[in-house]
Every structure is written in C-alpha cells, then in structure tokens.
Amino acid sequence: MRKGEAAALTWNDVDLKTGMITINKTLDFSADSDEELFGDTKAFNSERTIQISTSLIQDTKQHSKHQNQNKLGLE
C-alpha cells in the first residue's frame, strides 16, 4: 500500500470482521485545496482489497475503541 493510499483510508474502507481493507482512493500531500485532497488511485488496477493479519485486526479494533472513547469526551 502506498503512503497516500494509507493516509486516505477511512473506517468505511476497513472490514474488521473479514480482515479486509479496500483501497479506492489516495491522499495528495501537495494538494492546493480541500477539493483536490483526495483522488483516484495511481492506476486503475491500484483499486484493490487486501487482507490484513489477525494481529493488525486486533490493533485496529483497539485503535477504533480508543478513537470512540476520545470522541465521546469532545461532545
């Protein structure tokens, strides 16, 4: 996964039940405006779904839980 693809991931791209991540966009680090920030992947074949390890699934679940707890503190 390219760094721009990783940076563009959202929770909608992550399926922790199946352990799959869908890569369908990229973040343009040199974008001049918010409208140009996210774009298509580098090539048509770059859109893909990858499987992640069990340990990464567990780490990601912990991260999601941490984010949700912090989000509640901001409301």
Protein backbone atom coordinates (compact mmCIF):
# COMPACT_ATOMS: atom_id res chain seq x y z
CA MET A 1 0.00 0.00 0.00
CA ARG A 2 1.35 3.41 -0.95
CA LYS A 3 1.59 6.08 1.77
CA GLY A 4 -1.06 8.22 0.06
CA GLU A 5 -3.42 5.25 -0.04
CA ALA A 6 -2.82 4.51 3.64
CA ALA A 7 -3.36 8.16 4.57
CA ALA A 8 -6.67 8.22 2.67
CA LEU A 9 -8.18 5.23 4.49
CA THR A 10 -11.44 5.76 6.35
CA TRP A 11 -13.35 3.40 8.62
CA ASN A 12 -15.66 2.67 5.67
CA ASP A 13 -12.67 1.06 3.93
CA VAL A 14 -11.94 -1.32 6.81
CA ASP A 15 -13.89 -4.54 7.48
CA LEU A 16 -12.61 -5.98 10.74
CA LYS A 17 -14.98 -8.97 10.58
CA THR A 18 -13.40 -10.27 7.38
CA GLY A 19 -9.98 -8.70 7.91
CA MET A 20 -10.10 -6.85 4.61
CA ILE A 21 -9.14 -3.29 3.65
CA THR A 22 -10.41 -1.73 0.44
CA ILE A 23 -8.05 0.69 -1.27
CA ASN A 24 -10.04 3.01 -3.51
CA LYS A 25 -8.55 6.49 -3.16
CA THR A 26 -5.34 8.32 -2.38
CA LEU A 27 -4.37 11.44 -0.48
CA ASP A 28 -2.48 14.09 -2.44
CA PHE A 29 0.02 15.57 0.02
CA SER A 30 0.68 18.53 -2.29
CA ALA A 31 -2.95 19.44 -3.00
CA ASP A 32 -3.70 23.15 -3.23
CA SER A 33 -7.28 22.88 -1.95
CA ASP A 34 -9.55 20.56 0.05
CA GLU A 35 -11.35 19.59 -3.16
CA GLU A 36 -8.09 18.21 -4.58
CA LEU A 37 -7.01 16.47 -1.37
CA PHE A 38 -8.44 13.03 -2.19
CA GLY A 39 -8.21 11.48 -5.62
CA ASP A 40 -8.27 8.27 -7.57
CA THR A 41 -5.59 5.68 -7.06
CA LYS A 42 -2.47 5.85 -9.21
CA ALA A 43 -3.73 3.31 -11.76
CA PHE A 44 -6.99 1.50 -12.47
CA ASN A 45 -5.52 -1.74 -11.13
CA SER A 46 -4.48 0.05 -7.93
CA GLU A 47 -8.03 -0.22 -6.61
CA ARG A 48 -7.92 -3.43 -4.65
CA THR A 49 -8.86 -5.25 -1.47
CA ILE A 50 -6.13 -6.62 0.76
CA GLN A 51 -6.26 -9.00 3.68
CA ILE A 52 -4.74 -7.94 7.00
CA SER A 53 -3.26 -10.12 9.73
CA THR A 54 -5.04 -11.16 12.90
CA SER A 55 -2.68 -9.04 14.99
CA LEU A 56 -3.39 -5.96 12.84
CA ILE A 57 -7.14 -6.61 13.20
CA GLN A 58 -6.75 -6.65 16.99
CA ASP A 59 -4.62 -3.48 16.97
CA THR A 60 -7.13 -1.74 14.71
CA LYS A 61 -10.03 -2.73 16.99
CA GLN A 62 -8.15 -1.22 19.94
CA HIS A 63 -7.47 1.95 17.94
CA SER A 64 -11.14 2.22 16.98
CA LYS A 65 -12.19 1.80 20.60
CA HIS A 66 -9.69 4.48 21.68
CA GLN A 67 -10.97 6.87 19.00
CA ASN A 68 -14.58 6.33 20.04
CA GLN A 69 -13.77 6.97 23.70
CA ASN A 70 -11.96 10.20 22.84
CA LYS A 71 -14.78 11.26 20.53
CA LEU A 72 -17.25 10.97 23.42
CA GLY A 73 -15.05 13.28 25.51
CA LEU A 74 -15.25 16.00 22.86
CA GLU A 75 -19.03 16.13 22.65
